[in-house]
């Protein structure tokens, strides 16, 4: 039984989901889980003082949610975990950027900057893993040329 991910997890990773999750060239599975609607959310997160902090956080979460729902899933737990964690990590980066526009607290500034650096490194590791582990969705494997 698949349980839906909590909203806070769904909201942290979206900006790189489209390109990052497709890096391995893995097609999505037939079941959608709300991904079609989320894929239509194409605006990337922009950290700007033009919006209040709460709105920036909501925007970051919405982009992350869309990215996680649009992740190219293939039913393989390892692959699907990595595909969804990329937009999740990007959401953490986006939220940290949103905080840096307002906070003057040195401890929180340091924490936010560390989150940005660490999560970007982990995204690169996950993208590399996906590139090394391409696996087509079940049922999409071509038949062997001749099995005789």
Protein backbone atom coordinates (compact mmCIF):
# COMPACT_ATOMS: atom_id res chain seq x y z
CA UNK A 1 0.00 0.00 0.00
CA UNK A 2 1.42 3.35 -1.05
CA UNK A 3 0.86 6.19 1.39
CA UNK A 4 0.88 9.80 0.20
CA UNK A 5 3.90 11.82 1.22
CA UNK A 6 3.34 14.59 3.77
CA UNK A 7 2.91 18.05 2.25
CA UNK A 8 6.12 19.36 3.80
CA UNK A 9 8.08 16.61 2.05
CA UNK A 10 6.30 17.20 -1.22
CA UNK A 11 7.06 20.90 -1.23
CA UNK A 12 10.85 21.08 -0.93
CA UNK A 13 12.34 19.87 -4.22
CA UNK A 14 10.76 20.95 -7.44
CA UNK A 15 12.93 23.35 -9.37
CA UNK A 16 15.29 20.71 -10.72
CA UNK A 17 12.82 17.87 -10.93
CA UNK A 18 12.07 18.05 -14.61
CA UNK A 19 15.62 17.99 -15.87
CA UNK A 20 17.22 16.17 -12.97
CA UNK A 21 14.78 13.31 -12.75
CA UNK A 22 14.80 12.75 -16.46
CA UNK A 23 18.58 12.70 -16.58
CA UNK A 24 18.50 8.93 -16.60
CA UNK A 25 15.99 8.94 -19.44
CA UNK A 26 13.54 6.88 -17.43
CA UNK A 27 9.92 7.06 -18.54
CA UNK A 28 7.16 7.55 -15.99
CA UNK A 29 4.93 4.70 -14.88
CA UNK A 30 1.37 4.45 -16.16
CA UNK A 31 -0.23 5.29 -12.80
CA UNK A 32 -0.21 9.03 -12.26
CA UNK A 33 -0.60 9.77 -8.51
CA UNK A 34 -1.44 13.41 -9.33
CA UNK A 35 1.67 13.90 -11.42
CA UNK A 36 -0.06 15.20 -14.57
CA UNK A 37 -1.54 18.21 -12.80
CA UNK A 38 1.69 18.88 -10.94
CA UNK A 39 3.71 18.73 -14.15
CA UNK A 40 1.73 21.71 -15.43
CA UNK A 41 3.17 23.85 -12.60
CA UNK A 42 6.17 25.09 -14.54
CA UNK A 43 7.13 28.31 -12.80
CA UNK A 44 10.43 27.90 -10.95
CA UNK A 45 10.87 29.24 -7.43
CA UNK A 46 12.29 32.74 -7.24
CA UNK A 47 13.51 34.11 -3.91
CA UNK A 48 12.50 37.76 -4.01
CA UNK A 49 11.67 40.39 -1.42
CA UNK A 50 8.75 41.36 -3.68
CA UNK A 51 6.76 38.75 -1.73
CA UNK A 52 6.50 38.34 2.03
CA UNK A 53 8.37 35.45 3.65
CA UNK A 54 5.23 33.33 4.14
CA UNK A 55 4.37 33.59 0.45
CA UNK A 56 7.92 32.66 -0.56
CA UNK A 57 7.71 29.57 1.64
CA UNK A 58 4.32 28.65 0.15
CA UNK A 59 5.77 29.09 -3.33
CA UNK A 60 8.80 26.94 -2.52
CA UNK A 61 6.54 24.21 -1.17
CA UNK A 62 4.24 24.35 -4.21
CA UNK A 63 7.19 24.05 -6.59
CA UNK A 64 8.61 21.15 -4.56
CA UNK A 65 5.24 19.41 -4.52
CA UNK A 66 4.91 19.76 -8.27
CA UNK A 67 8.43 18.47 -8.80
CA UNK A 68 7.92 15.44 -6.61
CA UNK A 69 4.62 14.62 -8.30
CA UNK A 70 6.23 15.01 -11.74
CA UNK A 71 9.23 12.83 -10.87
CA UNK A 72 9.81 10.07 -13.41
CA UNK A 73 8.82 7.00 -11.41
CA UNK A 74 9.36 3.46 -12.68
CA UNK A 75 8.30 1.27 -9.76
CA UNK A 76 11.88 0.49 -8.67
CA UNK A 77 12.19 1.68 -5.04
CA UNK A 78 15.81 2.81 -5.32
CA UNK A 79 15.16 4.79 -8.49
CA UNK A 80 11.86 6.25 -7.30
CA UNK A 81 13.35 7.34 -3.97
CA UNK A 82 16.18 9.19 -5.72
CA UNK A 83 13.85 10.69 -8.35
CA UNK A 84 11.61 12.15 -5.66
CA UNK A 85 14.41 13.22 -3.33
CA UNK A 86 15.93 15.51 -5.96
CA UNK A 87 12.97 17.93 -5.96
CA UNK A 88 12.69 17.49 -2.18
CA UNK A 89 16.28 18.64 -1.72
CA UNK A 90 15.72 21.51 -4.16
CA UNK A 91 12.78 22.60 -2.00
CA UNK A 92 15.08 22.76 1.01
CA UNK A 93 17.44 24.94 -1.03
CA UNK A 94 14.59 27.22 -2.08
CA UNK A 95 13.34 27.57 1.49
CA UNK A 96 16.86 28.39 2.70
CA UNK A 97 17.14 31.06 0.00
CA UNK A 98 13.79 32.49 1.10
CA UNK A 99 15.04 32.75 4.69
CA UNK A 100 18.33 34.40 3.71
CA UNK A 101 16.38 37.37 2.32
CA UNK A 102 14.98 38.17 5.79
CA UNK A 103 17.07 36.76 8.59
CA UNK A 104 19.93 38.63 10.17
CA UNK A 105 20.54 35.89 12.74
CA UNK A 106 24.12 34.66 12.11
CA UNK A 107 23.36 31.13 13.27
CA UNK A 108 20.36 30.78 10.93
CA UNK A 109 22.22 32.42 8.05
CA UNK A 110 25.01 29.88 8.50
CA UNK A 111 22.51 27.03 8.71
CA UNK A 112 20.67 28.17 5.56
CA UNK A 113 23.92 28.56 3.63
CA UNK A 114 25.00 25.08 4.75
CA UNK A 115 21.67 23.63 3.62
CA UNK A 116 22.14 25.20 0.19
CA UNK A 117 25.65 23.81 -0.19
CA UNK A 118 24.91 20.34 1.21
CA UNK A 119 21.64 19.84 -0.67
CA UNK A 120 23.20 20.96 -3.98
CA UNK A 121 25.98 18.42 -3.50
CA UNK A 122 23.47 15.68 -2.70
CA UNK A 123 21.38 16.59 -5.76
CA UNK A 124 24.50 16.18 -7.93
CA UNK A 125 25.16 12.77 -6.34
CA UNK A 126 21.58 11.66 -6.97
CA UNK A 127 21.66 12.89 -10.58
CA UNK A 128 24.86 10.91 -11.11
CA UNK A 129 23.27 7.83 -9.54
CA UNK A 130 20.26 8.12 -11.87
CA UNK A 131 22.58 8.45 -14.86
CA UNK A 132 24.38 5.24 -13.80
CA UNK A 133 21.15 3.31 -13.11
CA UNK A 134 18.77 3.87 -15.99
CA UNK A 135 15.92 1.42 -15.83
CA UNK A 136 12.86 1.55 -18.07
CA UNK A 137 9.42 1.40 -16.55
CA UNK A 138 7.91 -2.08 -16.20
CA UNK A 139 6.28 -3.25 -19.39
CA UNK A 140 8.32 -0.88 -21.56
CA UNK A 141 11.28 -3.20 -22.08
CA UNK A 142 11.69 -4.19 -25.72
CA UNK A 143 11.28 -7.89 -26.44
CA UNK A 144 14.49 -9.83 -27.04
CA UNK A 145 15.44 -9.99 -30.73
CA UNK A 146 15.35 -13.77 -30.85
CA UNK A 147 15.06 -16.01 -27.81
CA UNK A 148 15.59 -19.29 -29.66
